[in-house]
Amino acid sequence: MTARTLYPPILFSTEDAAEYIGIKSTKFNEMQAKGRVIPKDFDGKRMYLRDDLDAFARSLPDWEKRGTTA
């Protein structure tokens, strides 16, 4: 029996990309429509690069507490 190496995916479907960054598919589709995440064309299907998803998540603004008390 040979050992099998598992690799994390580099391309994600829309549903998997949304799950990867922790949002619902509908919100992800909104971000894609606004050009915030750009799909790649793989055999006529929209696919998203893991590096692009990571860059998108890193580009989000920091959370600011507004008018709240600790």
C-alpha atoms as a PDB file:
ATOM      1  CA  MET A   1       0.000   0.000   0.000  1.00  0.00           C
ATOM      2  CA  THR A   2       1.421   3.391  -0.937  1.00  0.00           C
ATOM      3  CA  ALA A   3       1.042   6.456   1.212  1.00  0.00           C
ATOM      4  CA  ARG A   4      -1.224   9.050  -0.298  1.00  0.00           C
ATOM      5  CA  THR A   5      -0.441  12.714   0.191  1.00  0.00           C
ATOM      6  CA  LEU A   6      -3.438  14.978   0.587  1.00  0.00           C
ATOM      7  CA  TYR A   7      -3.192  18.505  -0.754  1.00  0.00           C
ATOM      8  CA  PRO A   8      -5.541  21.357   0.054  1.00  0.00           C
ATOM      9  CA  PRO A   9      -7.483  22.497  -3.012  1.00  0.00           C
ATOM     10  CA  ILE A  10      -6.143  25.439  -4.983  1.00  0.00           C
ATOM     11  CA  LEU A  11      -9.419  25.999  -6.885  1.00  0.00           C
ATOM     12  CA  PHE A  12     -12.848  26.280  -5.286  1.00  0.00           C
ATOM     13  CA  SER A  13     -16.377  26.257  -6.678  1.00  0.00           C
ATOM     14  CA  THR A  14     -18.587  29.182  -5.661  1.00  0.00           C
ATOM     15  CA  GLU A  15     -20.180  27.195  -2.841  1.00  0.00           C
ATOM     16  CA  ASP A  16     -16.856  25.907  -1.552  1.00  0.00           C
ATOM     17  CA  ALA A  17     -15.233  29.347  -1.835  1.00  0.00           C
ATOM     18  CA  ALA A  18     -18.015  30.878   0.246  1.00  0.00           C
ATOM     19  CA  GLU A  19     -17.645  28.153   2.847  1.00  0.00           C
ATOM     20  CA  TYR A  20     -13.848  28.542   2.841  1.00  0.00           C
ATOM     21  CA  ILE A  21     -14.069  32.211   3.824  1.00  0.00           C
ATOM     22  CA  GLY A  22     -17.041  31.649   6.125  1.00  0.00           C
ATOM     23  CA  ILE A  23     -19.931  33.391   4.392  1.00  0.00           C
ATOM     24  CA  LYS A  24     -23.140  32.280   2.681  1.00  0.00           C
ATOM     25  CA  SER A  25     -23.141  31.699  -1.085  1.00  0.00           C
ATOM     26  CA  THR A  26     -25.591  34.572  -1.646  1.00  0.00           C
ATOM     27  CA  LYS A  27     -23.235  37.044   0.063  1.00  0.00           C
ATOM     28  CA  PHE A  28     -20.300  35.587  -1.854  1.00  0.00           C
ATOM     29  CA  ASN A  29     -22.201  36.094  -5.128  1.00  0.00           C
ATOM     30  CA  GLU A  30     -22.761  39.747  -4.152  1.00  0.00           C
ATOM     31  CA  MET A  31     -19.011  40.188  -3.581  1.00  0.00           C
ATOM     32  CA  GLN A  32     -18.301  38.575  -6.946  1.00  0.00           C
ATOM     33  CA  ALA A  33     -20.856  40.824  -8.710  1.00  0.00           C
ATOM     34  CA  LYS A  34     -19.143  43.871  -7.174  1.00  0.00           C
ATOM     35  CA  GLY A  35     -15.756  42.653  -8.437  1.00  0.00           C
ATOM     36  CA  ARG A  36     -14.359  42.054  -4.953  1.00  0.00           C
ATOM     37  CA  VAL A  37     -13.578  38.419  -5.770  1.00  0.00           C
ATOM     38  CA  ILE A  38     -12.704  37.495  -9.346  1.00  0.00           C
ATOM     39  CA  PRO A  39     -13.403  34.018 -10.701  1.00  0.00           C
ATOM     40  CA  LYS A  40     -11.180  32.055 -13.054  1.00  0.00           C
ATOM     41  CA  ASP A  41     -12.606  30.167 -16.025  1.00  0.00           C
ATOM     42  CA  PHE A  42     -11.984  26.439 -15.732  1.00  0.00           C
ATOM     43  CA  ASP A  43     -13.669  24.487 -18.494  1.00  0.00           C
ATOM     44  CA  GLY A  44     -16.580  26.932 -18.557  1.00  0.00           C
ATOM     45  CA  LYS A  45     -17.030  26.933 -14.776  1.00  0.00           C
ATOM     46  CA  ARG A  46     -16.407  29.746 -12.312  1.00  0.00           C
ATOM     47  CA  MET A  47     -13.620  28.744  -9.968  1.00  0.00           C
ATOM     48  CA  TYR A  48     -11.785  30.755  -7.324  1.00  0.00           C
ATOM     49  CA  LEU A  49      -8.109  30.563  -6.423  1.00  0.00           C
ATOM     50  CA  ARG A  50      -7.329  29.935  -2.763  1.00  0.00           C
ATOM     51  CA  ASP A  51      -4.702  32.718  -2.832  1.00  0.00           C
ATOM     52  CA  ASP A  52      -7.294  35.199  -4.150  1.00  0.00           C
ATOM     53  CA  LEU A  53      -9.745  34.194  -1.417  1.00  0.00           C
ATOM     54  CA  ASP A  54      -7.043  34.603   1.214  1.00  0.00           C
ATOM     55  CA  ALA A  55      -6.141  38.045  -0.186  1.00  0.00           C
ATOM     56  CA  PHE A  56      -9.822  39.066  -0.152  1.00  0.00           C
ATOM     57  CA  ALA A  57     -10.188  38.041   3.493  1.00  0.00           C
ATOM     58  CA  ARG A  58      -6.993  39.882   4.453  1.00  0.00           C
ATOM     59  CA  SER A  59      -8.222  43.036   2.689  1.00  0.00           C
ATOM     60  CA  LEU A  60     -11.301  43.334   4.895  1.00  0.00           C
ATOM     61  CA  PRO A  61     -11.233  46.229   7.349  1.00  0.00           C
ATOM     62  CA  ASP A  62     -10.565  45.649  11.019  1.00  0.00           C
ATOM     63  CA  TRP A  63     -13.581  45.461  13.293  1.00  0.00           C
ATOM     64  CA  GLU A  64     -14.228  48.682  15.166  1.00  0.00           C
ATOM     65  CA  LYS A  65     -16.439  48.859  18.186  1.00  0.00           C
ATOM     66  CA  ARG A  66     -18.695  51.862  17.733  1.00  0.00           C
ATOM     67  CA  GLY A  67     -20.416  53.336  20.720  1.00  0.00           C
ATOM     68  CA  THR A  68     -20.178  50.196  22.802  1.00  0.00           C
ATOM     69  CA  THR A  69     -18.897  49.803  26.300  1.00  0.00           C
ATOM     70  CA  ALA A  70     -16.760  46.906  27.441  1.00  0.00           C
END
